[in-house]
């Protein structure tokens, strides 16, 4: 963008990307929290995930998700050149695994 003569465009784009990432993290924490809470109510997850704050937030799932995010930050600090490939590989494997299990359950 600087070569095109638009010096502030790079900063604006960075703000948009960071805002989108924060929004995605918020959505994932909410979704995982409600999923684990529902699973705990059905006996399919540890009962500790049934604990709610006084505002009705499953706080233990938020703590667990924050811990997972912190692990990502630590990995990015320790192995910044490989962390993207590792996380992308785990996500790809998880997606293929889920679809394989769906396929096997249909068969």
N, C-alpha and C. Protein backbone atom coordinates (compact mmCIF):
# COMPACT_ATOMS: atom_id res chain seq x y z
N UNK A 1 0.82 -1.20 0.00
CA UNK A 1 0.00 0.00 0.00
C UNK A 1 0.86 1.26 0.00
N UNK A 2 2.00 1.19 0.69
CA UNK A 2 2.87 2.36 0.70
C UNK A 2 3.43 2.65 -0.68
N UNK A 3 3.72 1.59 -1.46
CA UNK A 3 4.23 1.77 -2.81
C UNK A 3 3.18 2.40 -3.73
N UNK A 4 1.91 2.19 -3.41
CA UNK A 4 0.82 2.78 -4.19
C UNK A 4 0.53 4.21 -3.76
N UNK A 5 1.18 4.65 -2.68
CA UNK A 5 0.97 6.01 -2.21
C UNK A 5 -0.16 6.13 -1.19
N UNK A 6 -0.62 5.01 -0.69
CA UNK A 6 -1.69 5.02 0.31
C UNK A 6 -1.08 4.56 1.63
N UNK A 7 -0.51 5.49 2.37
CA UNK A 7 0.26 5.14 3.56
C UNK A 7 -0.62 4.64 4.70
N UNK A 8 -1.81 5.15 4.85
CA UNK A 8 -2.64 4.75 5.98
C UNK A 8 -3.45 3.48 5.69
N UNK A 9 -3.49 3.02 4.46
CA UNK A 9 -4.28 1.84 4.10
C UNK A 9 -3.78 0.58 4.82
N UNK A 10 -2.48 0.45 4.96
CA UNK A 10 -1.93 -0.72 5.64
C UNK A 10 -2.37 -0.75 7.09
N UNK A 11 -2.36 0.41 7.75
CA UNK A 11 -2.82 0.47 9.14
C UNK A 11 -4.30 0.15 9.25
N UNK A 12 -5.08 0.67 8.33
CA UNK A 12 -6.52 0.40 8.33
C UNK A 12 -6.78 -1.08 8.11
N UNK A 13 -6.05 -1.67 7.18
CA UNK A 13 -6.20 -3.11 6.92
C UNK A 13 -5.81 -3.93 8.13
N UNK A 14 -4.75 -3.54 8.82
CA UNK A 14 -4.35 -4.24 10.04
C UNK A 14 -5.43 -4.15 11.12
N UNK A 15 -6.04 -2.98 11.24
CA UNK A 15 -7.13 -2.81 12.22
C UNK A 15 -8.30 -3.72 11.87
N UNK A 16 -8.64 -3.80 10.59
CA UNK A 16 -9.74 -4.66 10.16
C UNK A 16 -9.42 -6.13 10.45
N UNK A 17 -8.21 -6.56 10.16
CA UNK A 17 -7.82 -7.95 10.38
C UNK A 17 -7.83 -8.29 11.87
N UNK A 18 -7.29 -7.41 12.70
CA UNK A 18 -7.26 -7.65 14.14
C UNK A 18 -8.68 -7.67 14.71
N UNK A 19 -9.53 -6.76 14.25
CA UNK A 19 -10.92 -6.73 14.70
C UNK A 19 -11.64 -8.02 14.30
N UNK A 20 -11.42 -8.50 13.11
CA UNK A 20 -12.03 -9.75 12.66
C UNK A 20 -11.53 -10.92 13.50
N UNK A 21 -10.24 -10.94 13.83
CA UNK A 21 -9.69 -12.03 14.64
C UNK A 21 -10.29 -12.01 16.05
N UNK A 22 -10.41 -10.83 16.64
CA UNK A 22 -11.01 -10.72 17.97
C UNK A 22 -12.47 -11.15 17.93
N UNK A 23 -13.18 -10.78 16.90
CA UNK A 23 -14.57 -11.19 16.75
C UNK A 23 -14.69 -12.70 16.62
N UNK A 24 -13.81 -13.31 15.85
CA UNK A 24 -13.83 -14.77 15.70
C UNK A 24 -13.51 -15.46 17.02
N UNK A 25 -12.55 -14.95 17.76
CA UNK A 25 -12.21 -15.53 19.06
C UNK A 25 -13.41 -15.43 20.00
N UNK A 26 -14.06 -14.27 20.04
CA UNK A 26 -15.23 -14.09 20.88
C UNK A 26 -16.33 -15.09 20.52
N UNK A 27 -16.57 -15.25 19.24
CA UNK A 27 -17.58 -16.20 18.78
C UNK A 27 -17.22 -17.62 19.16
N UNK A 28 -15.96 -17.99 19.01
CA UNK A 28 -15.52 -19.34 19.35
C UNK A 28 -15.62 -19.61 20.85
N UNK A 29 -15.25 -18.64 21.67
CA UNK A 29 -15.36 -18.80 23.11
C UNK A 29 -16.82 -18.97 23.51
N UNK A 30 -17.70 -18.17 22.93
CA UNK A 30 -19.13 -18.29 23.22
C UNK A 30 -19.66 -19.66 22.78
N UNK A 31 -19.35 -20.04 21.55
CA UNK A 31 -19.84 -21.32 21.02
C UNK A 31 -19.32 -22.50 21.81
N UNK A 32 -18.03 -22.51 22.11
CA UNK A 32 -17.45 -23.62 22.87
C UNK A 32 -18.01 -23.65 24.29
N UNK A 33 -18.20 -22.49 24.86
CA UNK A 33 -18.76 -22.42 26.21
C UNK A 33 -20.14 -23.01 26.28
N UNK A 34 -20.99 -22.64 25.35
CA UNK A 34 -22.35 -23.16 25.35
C UNK A 34 -22.39 -24.64 24.98
N UNK A 35 -21.50 -25.06 24.09
CA UNK A 35 -21.45 -26.47 23.71
C UNK A 35 -21.02 -27.33 24.89
N UNK A 36 -19.95 -26.94 25.57
CA UNK A 36 -19.49 -27.72 26.72
C UNK A 36 -20.50 -27.68 27.85
N UNK A 37 -21.17 -26.56 28.05
CA UNK A 37 -22.20 -26.46 29.07
C UNK A 37 -23.34 -27.44 28.77
N UNK A 38 -23.79 -27.45 27.53
CA UNK A 38 -24.85 -28.37 27.14
C UNK A 38 -24.43 -29.82 27.26
N UNK A 39 -23.20 -30.11 26.88
CA UNK A 39 -22.70 -31.48 27.00
C UNK A 39 -22.58 -31.90 28.46
N UNK A 40 -22.15 -30.98 29.31
CA UNK A 40 -22.04 -31.29 30.75
C UNK A 40 -23.42 -31.55 31.34
N UNK A 41 -24.42 -30.81 30.91
CA UNK A 41 -25.78 -31.05 31.40
C UNK A 41 -26.30 -32.42 31.00
N UNK A 42 -25.83 -32.95 29.88
CA UNK A 42 -26.26 -34.27 29.42
C UNK A 42 -25.33 -35.38 29.91
N UNK A 43 -24.31 -35.03 30.68
CA UNK A 43 -23.38 -36.03 31.18
C UNK A 43 -22.33 -36.45 30.18
N UNK A 44 -22.13 -35.67 29.13
CA UNK A 44 -21.17 -36.01 28.08
C UNK A 44 -19.86 -35.23 28.20
N UNK A 45 -19.76 -34.40 29.21
CA UNK A 45 -18.54 -33.62 29.46
C UNK A 45 -18.36 -33.53 30.97
N UNK A 46 -17.17 -33.19 31.44
CA UNK A 46 -16.97 -33.08 32.89
C UNK A 46 -17.98 -32.10 33.52
N UNK A 47 -18.44 -32.45 34.70
CA UNK A 47 -19.48 -31.69 35.38
C UNK A 47 -19.03 -30.28 35.78
N UNK A 48 -17.72 -30.06 35.81
CA UNK A 48 -17.22 -28.73 36.17
C UNK A 48 -17.69 -27.67 35.16
N UNK A 49 -17.99 -28.10 33.93
CA UNK A 49 -18.43 -27.17 32.89
C UNK A 49 -19.89 -26.74 33.07
N UNK A 50 -20.58 -27.28 34.07
CA UNK A 50 -21.96 -26.86 34.35
C UNK A 50 -22.01 -25.60 35.21
N UNK A 51 -20.90 -25.21 35.80
CA UNK A 51 -20.89 -24.05 36.70
C UNK A 51 -21.12 -22.76 35.91
N UNK A 52 -22.07 -21.97 36.42
CA UNK A 52 -22.40 -20.69 35.78
C UNK A 52 -22.05 -19.55 36.72
N UNK A 53 -21.69 -18.42 36.13
CA UNK A 53 -21.51 -17.21 36.93
C UNK A 53 -22.90 -16.67 37.29
N UNK A 54 -22.96 -15.62 38.09
CA UNK A 54 -24.27 -15.08 38.45
C UNK A 54 -24.97 -14.45 37.26
N UNK A 55 -24.22 -14.18 36.19
CA UNK A 55 -24.81 -13.64 34.96
C UNK A 55 -25.19 -14.74 33.96
N UNK A 56 -25.00 -16.00 34.35
CA UNK A 56 -25.37 -17.11 33.48
C UNK A 56 -24.32 -17.51 32.47
N UNK A 57 -23.08 -17.11 32.71
CA UNK A 57 -21.97 -17.44 31.80
C UNK A 57 -21.27 -18.70 32.31
N UNK A 58 -21.09 -19.71 31.45
CA UNK A 58 -20.33 -20.89 31.89
C UNK A 58 -18.85 -20.54 31.99
N UNK A 59 -18.46 -20.05 33.15
CA UNK A 59 -17.15 -19.42 33.32
C UNK A 59 -15.99 -20.40 33.19
N UNK A 60 -16.19 -21.66 33.54
CA UNK A 60 -15.08 -22.61 33.44
C UNK A 60 -14.68 -22.83 31.98
N UNK A 61 -15.65 -22.82 31.09
CA UNK A 61 -15.31 -22.99 29.67
C UNK A 61 -14.54 -21.78 29.16
N UNK A 62 -14.87 -20.61 29.68
CA UNK A 62 -14.12 -19.42 29.29
C UNK A 62 -12.67 -19.52 29.78
N UNK A 63 -12.50 -20.04 30.99
CA UNK A 63 -11.14 -20.22 31.54
C UNK A 63 -10.36 -21.22 30.69
N UNK A 64 -11.00 -22.33 30.32
CA UNK A 64 -10.33 -23.34 29.50
C UNK A 64 -9.96 -22.77 28.14
N UNK A 65 -10.88 -22.05 27.51
CA UNK A 65 -10.59 -21.46 26.20
C UNK A 65 -9.47 -20.42 26.31
N UNK A 66 -9.46 -19.63 27.38
CA UNK A 66 -8.38 -18.67 27.57
C UNK A 66 -7.04 -19.39 27.72
N UNK A 67 -7.04 -20.53 28.40
CA UNK A 67 -5.82 -21.32 28.53
C UNK A 67 -5.33 -21.85 27.20
N UNK A 68 -6.25 -22.31 26.38
CA UNK A 68 -5.89 -22.80 25.05
C UNK A 68 -5.32 -21.66 24.20
N UNK A 69 -5.96 -20.50 24.28
CA UNK A 69 -5.45 -19.35 23.54
C UNK A 69 -4.06 -18.94 24.04
N UNK A 70 -3.84 -19.04 25.34
CA UNK A 70 -2.53 -18.72 25.90
C UNK A 70 -1.47 -19.70 25.40
N UNK A 71 -1.84 -20.96 25.26
CA UNK A 71 -0.90 -21.94 24.69
C UNK A 71 -0.50 -21.52 23.27
N UNK A 72 -1.47 -21.04 22.51
CA UNK A 72 -1.17 -20.56 21.16
C UNK A 72 -0.21 -19.39 21.17
N UNK A 73 -0.37 -18.48 22.12
CA UNK A 73 0.53 -17.34 22.24
C UNK A 73 1.94 -17.81 22.60
N UNK A 74 2.03 -18.75 23.52
CA UNK A 74 3.34 -19.28 23.92
C UNK A 74 4.01 -19.99 22.75
N UNK A 75 3.24 -20.80 22.02
CA UNK A 75 3.81 -21.47 20.85
C UNK A 75 4.29 -20.46 19.81
N UNK A 76 3.53 -19.40 19.61
CA UNK A 76 3.93 -18.37 18.65
C UNK A 76 5.22 -17.69 19.10
N UNK A 77 5.42 -17.57 20.40
CA UNK A 77 6.66 -16.98 20.90
C UNK A 77 7.83 -17.94 20.74
N UNK A 78 7.60 -19.23 21.03
CA UNK A 78 8.69 -20.20 21.03
C UNK A 78 9.09 -20.66 19.63
N UNK A 79 8.10 -20.91 18.76
CA UNK A 79 8.39 -21.41 17.41
C UNK A 79 7.56 -20.63 16.38
N UNK A 80 7.85 -19.36 16.21
CA UNK A 80 7.01 -18.54 15.32
C UNK A 80 7.03 -18.99 13.86
N UNK A 81 8.11 -19.63 13.43
CA UNK A 81 8.18 -20.03 12.03
C UNK A 81 7.37 -21.29 11.73
N UNK A 82 7.02 -22.07 12.76
CA UNK A 82 6.31 -23.32 12.55
C UNK A 82 4.90 -23.36 13.11
N UNK A 83 4.54 -22.41 13.94
CA UNK A 83 3.27 -22.51 14.66
C UNK A 83 2.07 -22.49 13.71
N UNK A 84 2.12 -21.71 12.65
CA UNK A 84 0.98 -21.67 11.73
C UNK A 84 0.77 -23.02 11.07
N UNK A 85 1.85 -23.64 10.63
CA UNK A 85 1.75 -24.95 9.97
C UNK A 85 1.22 -26.00 10.95
N UNK A 86 1.68 -25.95 12.19
CA UNK A 86 1.21 -26.92 13.20
C UNK A 86 -0.29 -26.75 13.45
N UNK A 87 -0.72 -25.52 13.69
CA UNK A 87 -2.14 -25.28 13.99
C UNK A 87 -3.01 -25.58 12.78
N UNK A 88 -2.56 -25.19 11.60
CA UNK A 88 -3.32 -25.48 10.39
C UNK A 88 -3.40 -26.99 10.15
N UNK A 89 -2.33 -27.71 10.45
CA UNK A 89 -2.34 -29.17 10.29
C UNK A 89 -3.31 -29.82 11.27
N UNK A 90 -3.33 -29.35 12.51
CA UNK A 90 -4.26 -29.89 13.50
C UNK A 90 -5.69 -29.62 13.07
N UNK A 91 -5.97 -28.41 12.61
CA UNK A 91 -7.32 -28.07 12.16
C UNK A 91 -7.73 -28.90 10.95
N UNK A 92 -6.82 -29.09 10.03
CA UNK A 92 -7.12 -29.91 8.84
C UNK A 92 -7.38 -31.36 9.24
N UNK A 93 -6.53 -31.90 10.12
CA UNK A 93 -6.74 -33.26 10.57
C UNK A 93 -8.08 -33.40 11.28
N UNK A 94 -8.43 -32.44 12.13
CA UNK A 94 -9.70 -32.50 12.85
C UNK A 94 -10.87 -32.47 11.88
N UNK A 95 -10.79 -31.64 10.85
CA UNK A 95 -11.87 -31.57 9.87
C UNK A 95 -12.00 -32.88 9.11
N UNK A 96 -10.89 -33.42 8.65
CA UNK A 96 -10.92 -34.70 7.93
C UNK A 96 -11.44 -35.81 8.85
N UNK A 97 -11.01 -35.82 10.10
CA UNK A 97 -11.45 -36.83 11.05
C UNK A 97 -12.96 -36.78 11.26
N UNK A 98 -13.49 -35.57 11.44
CA UNK A 98 -14.94 -35.42 11.64
C UNK A 98 -15.71 -35.93 10.43
N UNK A 99 -15.27 -35.54 9.25
CA UNK A 99 -15.97 -35.99 8.04
C UNK A 99 -15.82 -37.50 7.83
N UNK A 100 -14.67 -38.05 8.21
CA UNK A 100 -14.48 -39.50 8.12
C UNK A 100 -15.43 -40.22 9.08
N UNK A 101 -15.59 -39.70 10.28
CA UNK A 101 -16.52 -40.31 11.23
C UNK A 101 -17.96 -40.20 10.76
N UNK A 102 -18.31 -39.08 10.13
CA UNK A 102 -19.65 -38.94 9.55
C UNK A 102 -19.85 -39.97 8.45
N UNK A 103 -18.85 -40.14 7.61
CA UNK A 103 -18.91 -41.12 6.54
C UNK A 103 -19.08 -42.53 7.10
N UNK A 104 -18.27 -42.87 8.08
CA UNK A 104 -18.35 -44.21 8.67
C UNK A 104 -19.68 -44.44 9.37
N UNK A 105 -20.22 -43.43 10.02
CA UNK A 105 -21.51 -43.61 10.68
C UNK A 105 -22.64 -43.79 9.67
N UNK A 106 -22.50 -43.19 8.50
CA UNK A 106 -23.51 -43.38 7.46
C UNK A 106 -23.43 -44.78 6.85
N UNK A 107 -22.20 -45.28 6.71
CA UNK A 107 -22.02 -46.62 6.15
C UNK A 107 -22.53 -47.64 7.16
